Amino acid sequence: MMLGLEGNSTLLSKESFELMFKPRFSAAHLPNNFSLKTRNKGVLWNLYNDGFIGHDGDDPGVISNVLFNKEIGLIFLSNIYLENRNEILDVMKKYGPKIKRE
């Protein structure tokens, strides 16, 4: 996905990556109970206002988060369900760049 964000992947076409990472909502066309305060949506991806792109999922007892930007990719898996994952995302965004491989 990171290579696709840069336009350097052969997994999908450049147009497919552009479609996935294109914001879907605007203030004029916004679903109920959705705010553009911290993110927008692409196709399958959360487009965070700070430049990160992410995908999350959960089932009873587990959660997962994937975050990346042009510099770093991060994955968080847990066997503890958290209703609100904002604190986990904040920690990932804060410390992830500090452990980046040079």
C-alpha atoms as a PDB file:
ATOM      1  CA  MET A   1       0.000   0.000   0.000  1.00  0.00           C
ATOM      2  CA  MET A   2       2.854   2.350   0.779  1.00  0.00           C
ATOM      3  CA  LEU A   3       4.326   1.759  -2.669  1.00  0.00           C
ATOM      4  CA  GLY A   4       0.899   2.357  -4.190  1.00  0.00           C
ATOM      5  CA  LEU A   5       0.614   5.640  -2.305  1.00  0.00           C
ATOM      6  CA  GLU A   6       3.855   6.679  -3.998  1.00  0.00           C
ATOM      7  CA  GLY A   7       2.671   5.439  -7.403  1.00  0.00           C
ATOM      8  CA  ASN A   8       5.369   2.728  -7.473  1.00  0.00           C
ATOM      9  CA  SER A   9       3.416  -0.520  -7.078  1.00  0.00           C
ATOM     10  CA  THR A  10       2.637  -3.213  -9.614  1.00  0.00           C
ATOM     11  CA  LEU A  11       0.020  -4.820  -7.346  1.00  0.00           C
ATOM     12  CA  LEU A  12      -2.762  -2.595  -8.709  1.00  0.00           C
ATOM     13  CA  SER A  13      -2.901   0.109 -11.339  1.00  0.00           C
ATOM     14  CA  LYS A  14      -2.019   3.680 -10.419  1.00  0.00           C
ATOM     15  CA  GLU A  15      -5.648   4.596 -11.066  1.00  0.00           C
ATOM     16  CA  SER A  16      -6.857   1.935  -8.604  1.00  0.00           C
ATOM     17  CA  PHE A  17      -4.608   3.291  -5.859  1.00  0.00           C
ATOM     18  CA  GLU A  18      -5.746   6.838  -6.607  1.00  0.00           C
ATOM     19  CA  LEU A  19      -9.359   5.690  -6.333  1.00  0.00           C
ATOM     20  CA  MET A  20      -8.738   3.927  -2.994  1.00  0.00           C
ATOM     21  CA  PHE A  21      -6.986   6.941  -1.466  1.00  0.00           C
ATOM     22  CA  LYS A  22      -9.320   9.643  -2.817  1.00  0.00           C
ATOM     23  CA  PRO A  23     -11.510  11.278  -0.136  1.00  0.00           C
ATOM     24  CA  ARG A  24     -15.139  10.274  -0.601  1.00  0.00           C
ATOM     25  CA  PHE A  25     -16.927  12.865   1.550  1.00  0.00           C
ATOM     26  CA  SER A  26     -17.207  16.641   1.663  1.00  0.00           C
ATOM     27  CA  ALA A  27     -18.975  18.943   4.125  1.00  0.00           C
ATOM     28  CA  ALA A  28     -21.818  19.211   1.603  1.00  0.00           C
ATOM     29  CA  HIS A  29     -22.115  15.426   1.172  1.00  0.00           C
ATOM     30  CA  LEU A  30     -21.599  13.800   4.542  1.00  0.00           C
ATOM     31  CA  PRO A  31     -23.235  10.640   5.947  1.00  0.00           C
ATOM     32  CA  ASN A  32     -25.211  10.911   9.162  1.00  0.00           C
ATOM     33  CA  ASN A  33     -23.094  10.622  12.325  1.00  0.00           C
ATOM     34  CA  PHE A  34     -19.826  11.182  10.450  1.00  0.00           C
ATOM     35  CA  SER A  35     -17.433  14.054  11.126  1.00  0.00           C
ATOM     36  CA  LEU A  36     -14.587  15.312   8.987  1.00  0.00           C
ATOM     37  CA  LYS A  37     -12.842  16.660  12.101  1.00  0.00           C
ATOM     38  CA  THR A  38     -10.141  13.962  12.167  1.00  0.00           C
ATOM     39  CA  ARG A  39     -10.583  11.877   9.008  1.00  0.00           C
ATOM     40  CA  ASN A  40     -12.272  11.267   5.693  1.00  0.00           C
ATOM     41  CA  LYS A  41     -12.905   7.936   3.985  1.00  0.00           C
ATOM     42  CA  GLY A  42     -11.373   6.402   0.902  1.00  0.00           C
ATOM     43  CA  VAL A  43     -12.334   2.995  -0.492  1.00  0.00           C
ATOM     44  CA  LEU A  44     -11.597   0.637   2.450  1.00  0.00           C
ATOM     45  CA  TRP A  45      -9.284   3.223   4.075  1.00  0.00           C
ATOM     46  CA  ASN A  46      -9.521   5.917   6.739  1.00  0.00           C
ATOM     47  CA  LEU A  47      -7.787   9.058   5.482  1.00  0.00           C
ATOM     48  CA  TYR A  48      -6.619  10.898   8.598  1.00  0.00           C
ATOM     49  CA  ASN A  49      -6.131  14.650   8.459  1.00  0.00           C
ATOM     50  CA  ASP A  50      -2.547  14.289   9.748  1.00  0.00           C
ATOM     51  CA  GLY A  51      -1.427  12.387   6.621  1.00  0.00           C
ATOM     52  CA  PHE A  52      -1.806   8.821   7.936  1.00  0.00           C
ATOM     53  CA  ILE A  53      -3.952   6.260   6.142  1.00  0.00           C
ATOM     54  CA  GLY A  54      -5.434   3.413   8.129  1.00  0.00           C
ATOM     55  CA  HIS A  55      -7.719   0.420   8.253  1.00  0.00           C
ATOM     56  CA  ASP A  56      -9.199  -1.150  11.360  1.00  0.00           C
ATOM     57  CA  GLY A  57     -11.316  -4.088  12.315  1.00  0.00           C
ATOM     58  CA  ASP A  58     -12.677  -5.938  15.290  1.00  0.00           C
ATOM     59  CA  ASP A  59     -14.593  -8.919  16.506  1.00  0.00           C
ATOM     60  CA  PRO A  60     -15.577  -9.727  20.084  1.00  0.00           C
ATOM     61  CA  GLY A  61     -12.310  -9.853  22.031  1.00  0.00           C
ATOM     62  CA  VAL A  62      -9.926  -8.581  19.327  1.00  0.00           C
ATOM     63  CA  ILE A  63      -8.985  -5.413  17.481  1.00  0.00           C
ATOM     64  CA  SER A  64      -6.581  -4.576  14.691  1.00  0.00           C
ATOM     65  CA  ASN A  65      -5.243  -1.358  13.232  1.00  0.00           C
ATOM     66  CA  VAL A  66      -3.024  -0.708  10.244  1.00  0.00           C
ATOM     67  CA  LEU A  67      -1.541   2.775   9.789  1.00  0.00           C
ATOM     68  CA  PHE A  68       0.852   4.079   7.179  1.00  0.00           C
ATOM     69  CA  ASN A  69       2.007   7.173   5.411  1.00  0.00           C
ATOM     70  CA  LYS A  70       4.793   7.718   2.896  1.00  0.00           C
ATOM     71  CA  GLU A  71       7.428   7.157   5.584  1.00  0.00           C
ATOM     72  CA  ILE A  72       6.294   4.307   7.858  1.00  0.00           C
ATOM     73  CA  GLY A  73       3.835   1.412   8.164  1.00  0.00           C
ATOM     74  CA  LEU A  74       2.485   0.247  11.545  1.00  0.00           C
ATOM     75  CA  ILE A  75       0.299  -2.699  12.615  1.00  0.00           C
ATOM     76  CA  PHE A  76      -1.391  -3.158  15.998  1.00  0.00           C
ATOM     77  CA  LEU A  77      -3.144  -6.404  16.968  1.00  0.00           C
ATOM     78  CA  SER A  78      -4.699  -7.091  20.366  1.00  0.00           C
ATOM     79  CA  ASN A  79      -6.773  -9.761  22.032  1.00  0.00           C
ATOM     80  CA  ILE A  80      -8.515  -7.053  24.089  1.00  0.00           C
ATOM     81  CA  TYR A  81     -11.496  -5.262  22.581  1.00  0.00           C
ATOM     82  CA  LEU A  82     -11.414  -1.478  22.950  1.00  0.00           C
ATOM     83  CA  GLU A  83     -14.517   0.538  22.143  1.00  0.00           C
ATOM     84  CA  ASN A  84     -12.487   3.701  21.519  1.00  0.00           C
ATOM     85  CA  ARG A  85      -9.102   3.218  19.837  1.00  0.00           C
ATOM     86  CA  ASN A  86      -8.131   6.872  19.564  1.00  0.00           C
ATOM     87  CA  GLU A  87      -5.523   6.584  22.332  1.00  0.00           C
ATOM     88  CA  ILE A  88      -3.900   3.585  20.612  1.00  0.00           C
ATOM     89  CA  LEU A  89      -3.829   5.452  17.300  1.00  0.00           C
ATOM     90  CA  ASP A  90      -2.270   8.486  18.995  1.00  0.00           C
ATOM     91  CA  VAL A  91       0.495   6.315  20.512  1.00  0.00           C
ATOM     92  CA  MET A  92       1.135   4.592  17.174  1.00  0.00           C
ATOM     93  CA  LYS A  93       1.405   7.949  15.385  1.00  0.00           C
ATOM     94  CA  LYS A  94       3.624   9.444  18.085  1.00  0.00           C
ATOM     95  CA  TYR A  95       6.121   6.604  18.550  1.00  0.00           C
ATOM     96  CA  GLY A  96       5.983   4.841  15.181  1.00  0.00           C
ATOM     97  CA  PRO A  97       8.232   7.350  13.412  1.00  0.00           C
ATOM     98  CA  LYS A  98      10.803   7.035  16.230  1.00  0.00           C
ATOM     99  CA  ILE A  99      11.313   3.315  15.538  1.00  0.00           C
ATOM    100  CA  LYS A 100      11.471   3.726  11.767  1.00  0.00           C
ATOM    101  CA  ARG A 101      14.265   1.773  10.086  1.00  0.00           C
ATOM    102  CA  GLU A 102      16.744   4.023   8.318  1.00  0.00           C
END
